[in-house]
Amino acid sequence: MGLGAGSVILIVIFALLVFGPKKLPELGRAVGHTLREFKSATKGIMEDTEDEGKKKERNQ
């Protein structure tokens, strides 16, 4: 289920009304930073899980 163009425009207008145009770039950077951290953490977990699976295969 994705967001359509109309939904995105509505969200942006709402964000402008709530936070104002001066705060939006700061909020965007914060969201981007948080998403990068989350992606990095999940990648690390996936790599650890793969490593454990390979170790188990070698021990069998």
PDB file of N, CA and C in Angstrom:
ATOM      1  N   MET A   1       0.846  -1.169   0.000  1.00  0.00           N
ATOM      2  CA  MET A   1       0.000   0.000   0.000  1.00  0.00           C
ATOM      3  C   MET A   1       0.893   1.234   0.000  1.00  0.00           C
ATOM      4  N   GLY A   2       0.933   1.936  -1.082  1.00  0.00           N
ATOM      5  CA  GLY A   2       1.792   3.103  -1.218  1.00  0.00           C
ATOM      6  C   GLY A   2       1.003   4.395  -1.085  1.00  0.00           C
ATOM      7  N   LEU A   3       1.746   5.462  -1.014  1.00  0.00           N
ATOM      8  CA  LEU A   3       1.133   6.781  -0.938  1.00  0.00           C
ATOM      9  C   LEU A   3       1.025   7.359  -2.336  1.00  0.00           C
ATOM     10  N   GLY A   4      -0.134   7.869  -2.654  1.00  0.00           N
ATOM     11  CA  GLY A   4      -0.310   8.525  -3.936  1.00  0.00           C
ATOM     12  C   GLY A   4       0.186   9.950  -3.875  1.00  0.00           C
ATOM     13  N   ALA A   5       0.231  10.583  -5.038  1.00  0.00           N
ATOM     14  CA  ALA A   5       0.715  11.960  -5.116  1.00  0.00           C
ATOM     15  C   ALA A   5      -0.165  12.899  -4.293  1.00  0.00           C
ATOM     16  N   GLY A   6      -1.471  12.675  -4.327  1.00  0.00           N
ATOM     17  CA  GLY A   6      -2.390  13.520  -3.569  1.00  0.00           C
ATOM     18  C   GLY A   6      -2.152  13.419  -2.071  1.00  0.00           C
ATOM     19  N   SER A   7      -1.889  12.200  -1.613  1.00  0.00           N
ATOM     20  CA  SER A   7      -1.628  11.993  -0.176  1.00  0.00           C
ATOM     21  C   SER A   7      -0.351  12.692   0.255  1.00  0.00           C
ATOM     22  N   VAL A   8       0.677  12.600  -0.570  1.00  0.00           N
ATOM     23  CA  VAL A   8       1.952  13.231  -0.240  1.00  0.00           C
ATOM     24  C   VAL A   8       1.786  14.746  -0.174  1.00  0.00           C
ATOM     25  N   ILE A   9       1.079  15.304  -1.128  1.00  0.00           N
ATOM     26  CA  ILE A   9       0.842  16.758  -1.144  1.00  0.00           C
ATOM     27  C   ILE A   9       0.074  17.178   0.101  1.00  0.00           C
ATOM     28  N   LEU A  10      -0.927  16.396   0.474  1.00  0.00           N
ATOM     29  CA  LEU A  10      -1.718  16.706   1.665  1.00  0.00           C
ATOM     30  C   LEU A  10      -0.854  16.660   2.927  1.00  0.00           C
ATOM     31  N   ILE A  11       0.026  15.680   3.027  1.00  0.00           N
ATOM     32  CA  ILE A  11       0.923  15.563   4.175  1.00  0.00           C
ATOM     33  C   ILE A  11       1.868  16.764   4.239  1.00  0.00           C
ATOM     34  N   VAL A  12       2.423  17.164   3.096  1.00  0.00           N
ATOM     35  CA  VAL A  12       3.339  18.308   3.057  1.00  0.00           C
ATOM     36  C   VAL A  12       2.623  19.589   3.475  1.00  0.00           C
ATOM     37  N   ILE A  13       1.415  19.788   2.984  1.00  0.00           N
ATOM     38  CA  ILE A  13       0.648  20.987   3.356  1.00  0.00           C
ATOM     39  C   ILE A  13       0.356  20.977   4.857  1.00  0.00           C
ATOM     40  N   PHE A  14      -0.031  19.825   5.385  1.00  0.00           N
ATOM     41  CA  PHE A  14      -0.295  19.709   6.816  1.00  0.00           C
ATOM     42  C   PHE A  14       0.961  20.018   7.625  1.00  0.00           C
ATOM     43  N   ALA A  15       2.100  19.463   7.191  1.00  0.00           N
ATOM     44  CA  ALA A  15       3.364  19.705   7.897  1.00  0.00           C
ATOM     45  C   ALA A  15       3.729  21.182   7.858  1.00  0.00           C
ATOM     46  N   LEU A  16       3.511  21.835   6.726  1.00  0.00           N
ATOM     47  CA  LEU A  16       3.787  23.271   6.626  1.00  0.00           C
ATOM     48  C   LEU A  16       2.920  24.061   7.601  1.00  0.00           C
ATOM     49  N   LEU A  17       1.659  23.689   7.704  1.00  0.00           N
ATOM     50  CA  LEU A  17       0.757  24.406   8.602  1.00  0.00           C
ATOM     51  C   LEU A  17       1.128  24.178  10.064  1.00  0.00           C
ATOM     52  N   VAL A  18       1.519  22.958  10.402  1.00  0.00           N
ATOM     53  CA  VAL A  18       1.807  22.635  11.801  1.00  0.00           C
ATOM     54  C   VAL A  18       3.179  23.155  12.224  1.00  0.00           C
ATOM     55  N   PHE A  19       4.200  22.902  11.409  1.00  0.00           N
ATOM     56  CA  PHE A  19       5.569  23.214  11.818  1.00  0.00           C
ATOM     57  C   PHE A  19       6.113  24.510  11.237  1.00  0.00           C
ATOM     58  N   GLY A  20       5.563  24.974  10.160  1.00  0.00           N
ATOM     59  CA  GLY A  20       6.060  26.186   9.518  1.00  0.00           C
ATOM     60  C   GLY A  20       7.224  25.881   8.593  1.00  0.00           C
ATOM     61  N   PRO A  21       7.452  26.741   7.620  1.00  0.00           N
ATOM     62  CA  PRO A  21       8.487  26.473   6.606  1.00  0.00           C
ATOM     63  C   PRO A  21       9.913  26.501   7.155  1.00  0.00           C
ATOM     64  N   LYS A  22      10.137  27.183   8.264  1.00  0.00           N
ATOM     65  CA  LYS A  22      11.500  27.263   8.805  1.00  0.00           C
ATOM     66  C   LYS A  22      11.911  25.975   9.505  1.00  0.00           C
ATOM     67  N   LYS A  23      10.967  25.243  10.060  1.00  0.00           N
ATOM     68  CA  LYS A  23      11.276  24.020  10.806  1.00  0.00           C
ATOM     69  C   LYS A  23      11.349  22.784   9.913  1.00  0.00           C
ATOM     70  N   LEU A  24      10.728  22.820   8.736  1.00  0.00           N
ATOM     71  CA  LEU A  24      10.666  21.617   7.889  1.00  0.00           C
ATOM     72  C   LEU A  24      12.034  21.068   7.485  1.00  0.00           C
ATOM     73  N   PRO A  25      12.998  21.888   7.067  1.00  0.00           N
ATOM     74  CA  PRO A  25      14.307  21.316   6.721  1.00  0.00           C
ATOM     75  C   PRO A  25      14.970  20.613   7.900  1.00  0.00           C
ATOM     76  N   GLU A  26      14.836  21.188   9.080  1.00  0.00           N
ATOM     77  CA  GLU A  26      15.407  20.577  10.279  1.00  0.00           C
ATOM     78  C   GLU A  26      14.728  19.231  10.568  1.00  0.00           C
ATOM     79  N   LEU A  27      13.413  19.195  10.436  1.00  0.00           N
ATOM     80  CA  LEU A  27      12.683  17.945  10.653  1.00  0.00           C
ATOM     81  C   LEU A  27      13.055  16.905   9.598  1.00  0.00           C
ATOM     82  N   GLY A  28      13.217  17.349   8.363  1.00  0.00           N
ATOM     83  CA  GLY A  28      13.620  16.431   7.293  1.00  0.00           C
ATOM     84  C   GLY A  28      14.982  15.812   7.562  1.00  0.00           C
ATOM     85  N   ARG A  29      15.910  16.618   8.009  1.00  0.00           N
ATOM     86  CA  ARG A  29      17.240  16.093   8.347  1.00  0.00           C
ATOM     87  C   ARG A  29      17.161  15.091   9.492  1.00  0.00           C
ATOM     88  N   ALA A  30      16.341  15.402  10.491  1.00  0.00           N
ATOM     89  CA  ALA A  30      16.201  14.498  11.635  1.00  0.00           C
ATOM     90  C   ALA A  30      15.598  13.164  11.205  1.00  0.00           C
ATOM     91  N   VAL A  31      14.597  13.212  10.352  1.00  0.00           N
ATOM     92  CA  VAL A  31      13.981  11.978   9.859  1.00  0.00           C
ATOM     93  C   VAL A  31      14.985  11.190   9.027  1.00  0.00           C
ATOM     94  N   GLY A  32      15.721  11.862   8.170  1.00  0.00           N
ATOM     95  CA  GLY A  32      16.734  11.193   7.354  1.00  0.00           C
ATOM     96  C   GLY A  32      17.805  10.536   8.202  1.00  0.00           C
ATOM     97  N   HIS A  33      18.260  11.233   9.221  1.00  0.00           N
ATOM     98  CA  HIS A  33      19.282  10.694  10.122  1.00  0.00           C
ATOM     99  C   HIS A  33      18.744   9.451  10.844  1.00  0.00           C
ATOM    100  N   THR A  34      17.517   9.539  11.319  1.00  0.00           N
ATOM    101  CA  THR A  34      16.904   8.409  12.019  1.00  0.00           C
ATOM    102  C   THR A  34      16.748   7.210  11.094  1.00  0.00           C
ATOM    103  N   LEU A  35      16.323   7.445   9.869  1.00  0.00           N
ATOM    104  CA  LEU A  35      16.171   6.338   8.916  1.00  0.00           C
ATOM    105  C   LEU A  35      17.511   5.698   8.586  1.00  0.00           C
ATOM    106  N   ARG A  36      18.568   6.504   8.447  1.00  0.00           N
ATOM    107  CA  ARG A  36      19.903   5.946   8.182  1.00  0.00           C
ATOM    108  C   ARG A  36      20.367   5.074   9.340  1.00  0.00           C
ATOM    109  N   GLU A  37      20.145   5.544  10.572  1.00  0.00           N
ATOM    110  CA  GLU A  37      20.529   4.759  11.750  1.00  0.00           C
ATOM    111  C   GLU A  37      19.753   3.451  11.806  1.00  0.00           C
ATOM    112  N   PHE A  38      18.472   3.514  11.528  1.00  0.00           N
ATOM    113  CA  PHE A  38      17.627   2.318  11.555  1.00  0.00           C
ATOM    114  C   PHE A  38      18.080   1.321  10.492  1.00  0.00           C
ATOM    115  N   LYS A  39      18.354   1.817   9.296  1.00  0.00           N
ATOM    116  CA  LYS A  39      18.809   0.947   8.212  1.00  0.00           C
ATOM    117  C   LYS A  39      20.146   0.299   8.559  1.00  0.00           C
ATOM    118  N   SER A  40      21.044   1.069   9.137  1.00  0.00           N
ATOM    119  CA  SER A  40      22.347   0.543   9.536  1.00  0.00           C
ATOM    120  C   SER A  40      22.192  -0.535  10.602  1.00  0.00           C
ATOM    121  N   ALA A  41      21.322  -0.290  11.572  1.00  0.00           N
ATOM    122  CA  ALA A  41      21.110  -1.264  12.647  1.00  0.00           C
ATOM    123  C   ALA A  41      20.499  -2.549  12.107  1.00  0.00           C
ATOM    124  N   THR A  42      19.511  -2.432  11.239  1.00  0.00           N
ATOM    125  CA  THR A  42      18.877  -3.637  10.699  1.00  0.00           C
ATOM    126  C   THR A  42      19.843  -4.395   9.797  1.00  0.00           C
ATOM    127  N   LYS A  43      20.701  -3.687   9.078  1.00  0.00           N
ATOM    128  CA  LYS A  43      21.695  -4.352   8.243  1.00  0.00           C
ATOM    129  C   LYS A  43      22.668  -5.148   9.114  1.00  0.00           C
ATOM    130  N   GLY A  44      23.084  -4.553  10.230  1.00  0.00           N
ATOM    131  CA  GLY A  44      23.980  -5.250  11.153  1.00  0.00           C
ATOM    132  C   GLY A  44      23.334  -6.496  11.729  1.00  0.00           C
ATOM    133  N   ILE A  45      22.063  -6.406  12.069  1.00  0.00           N
ATOM    134  CA  ILE A  45      21.346  -7.568  12.615  1.00  0.00           C
ATOM    135  C   ILE A  45      21.247  -8.662  11.552  1.00  0.00           C
ATOM    136  N   MET A  46      20.943  -8.277  10.326  1.00  0.00           N
ATOM    137  CA  MET A  46      20.830  -9.269   9.243  1.00  0.00           C
ATOM    138  C   MET A  46      22.175  -9.950   8.997  1.00  0.00           C
ATOM    139  N   GLU A  47      23.267  -9.184   9.032  1.00  0.00           N
ATOM    140  CA  GLU A  47      24.590  -9.768   8.826  1.00  0.00           C
ATOM    141  C   GLU A  47      24.935 -10.741   9.951  1.00  0.00           C
ATOM    142  N   ASP A  48      24.596 -10.371  11.190  1.00  0.00           N
ATOM    143  CA  ASP A  48      24.846 -11.261  12.323  1.00  0.00           C
ATOM    144  C   ASP A  48      24.054 -12.559  12.180  1.00  0.00           C
ATOM    145  N   THR A  49      22.803 -12.437  11.744  1.00  0.00           N
ATOM    146  CA  THR A  49      21.954 -13.609  11.573  1.00  0.00           C
ATOM    147  C   THR A  49      22.522 -14.520  10.486  1.00  0.00           C
ATOM    148  N   GLU A  50      22.988 -13.942   9.384  1.00  0.00           N
ATOM    149  CA  GLU A  50      23.578 -14.730   8.304  1.00  0.00           C
ATOM    150  C   GLU A  50      24.854 -15.425   8.776  1.00  0.00           C
ATOM    151  N   ASP A  51      25.671 -14.721   9.547  1.00  0.00           N
ATOM    152  CA  ASP A  51      26.907 -15.303  10.075  1.00  0.00           C
ATOM    153  C   ASP A  51      26.600 -16.500  10.967  1.00  0.00           C
ATOM    154  N   GLU A  52      25.578 -16.383  11.818  1.00  0.00           N
ATOM    155  CA  GLU A  52      25.198 -17.485  12.701  1.00  0.00           C
ATOM    156  C   GLU A  52      24.719 -18.684  11.885  1.00  0.00           C
ATOM    157  N   GLY A  53      23.961 -18.420  10.829  1.00  0.00           N
ATOM    158  CA  GLY A  53      23.489 -19.493   9.965  1.00  0.00           C
ATOM    159  C   GLY A  53      24.639 -20.222   9.280  1.00  0.00           C
ATOM    160  N   LYS A  54      25.632 -19.478   8.832  1.00  0.00           N
ATOM    161  CA  LYS A  54      26.793 -20.089   8.178  1.00  0.00           C
ATOM    162  C   LYS A  54      27.609 -20.924   9.172  1.00  0.00           C
ATOM    163  N   LYS A  55      27.721 -20.429  10.415  1.00  0.00           N
ATOM    164  CA  LYS A  55      28.454 -21.186  11.433  1.00  0.00           C
ATOM    165  C   LYS A  55      27.760 -22.508  11.725  1.00  0.00           C
ATOM    166  N   LYS A  56      26.448 -22.493  11.798  1.00  0.00           N
ATOM    167  CA  LYS A  56      25.686 -23.713  12.059  1.00  0.00           C
ATOM    168  C   LYS A  56      25.848 -24.712  10.921  1.00  0.00           C
ATOM    169  N   GLU A  57      25.855 -24.216   9.676  1.00  0.00           N
ATOM    170  CA  GLU A  57      26.026 -25.101   8.522  1.00  0.00           C
ATOM    171  C   GLU A  57      27.407 -25.775   8.543  1.00  0.00           C
ATOM    172  N   ARG A  58      28.427 -25.028   8.938  1.00  0.00           N
ATOM    173  CA  ARG A  58      29.776 -25.578   8.991  1.00  0.00           C
ATOM    174  C   ARG A  58      29.913 -26.630  10.089  1.00  0.00           C
ATOM    175  N   ASN A  59      29.186 -26.461  11.183  1.00  0.00           N
ATOM    176  CA  ASN A  59      29.296 -27.384  12.315  1.00  0.00           C
ATOM    177  C   ASN A  59      28.523 -28.671  12.102  1.00  0.00           C
ATOM    178  N   GLN A  60      27.662 -28.723  11.120  1.00  0.00           N
ATOM    179  CA  GLN A  60      26.878 -29.935  10.894  1.00  0.00           C
ATOM    180  C   GLN A  60      27.598 -30.942  10.052  1.00  0.00           C
TER     181      GLN A  60
END
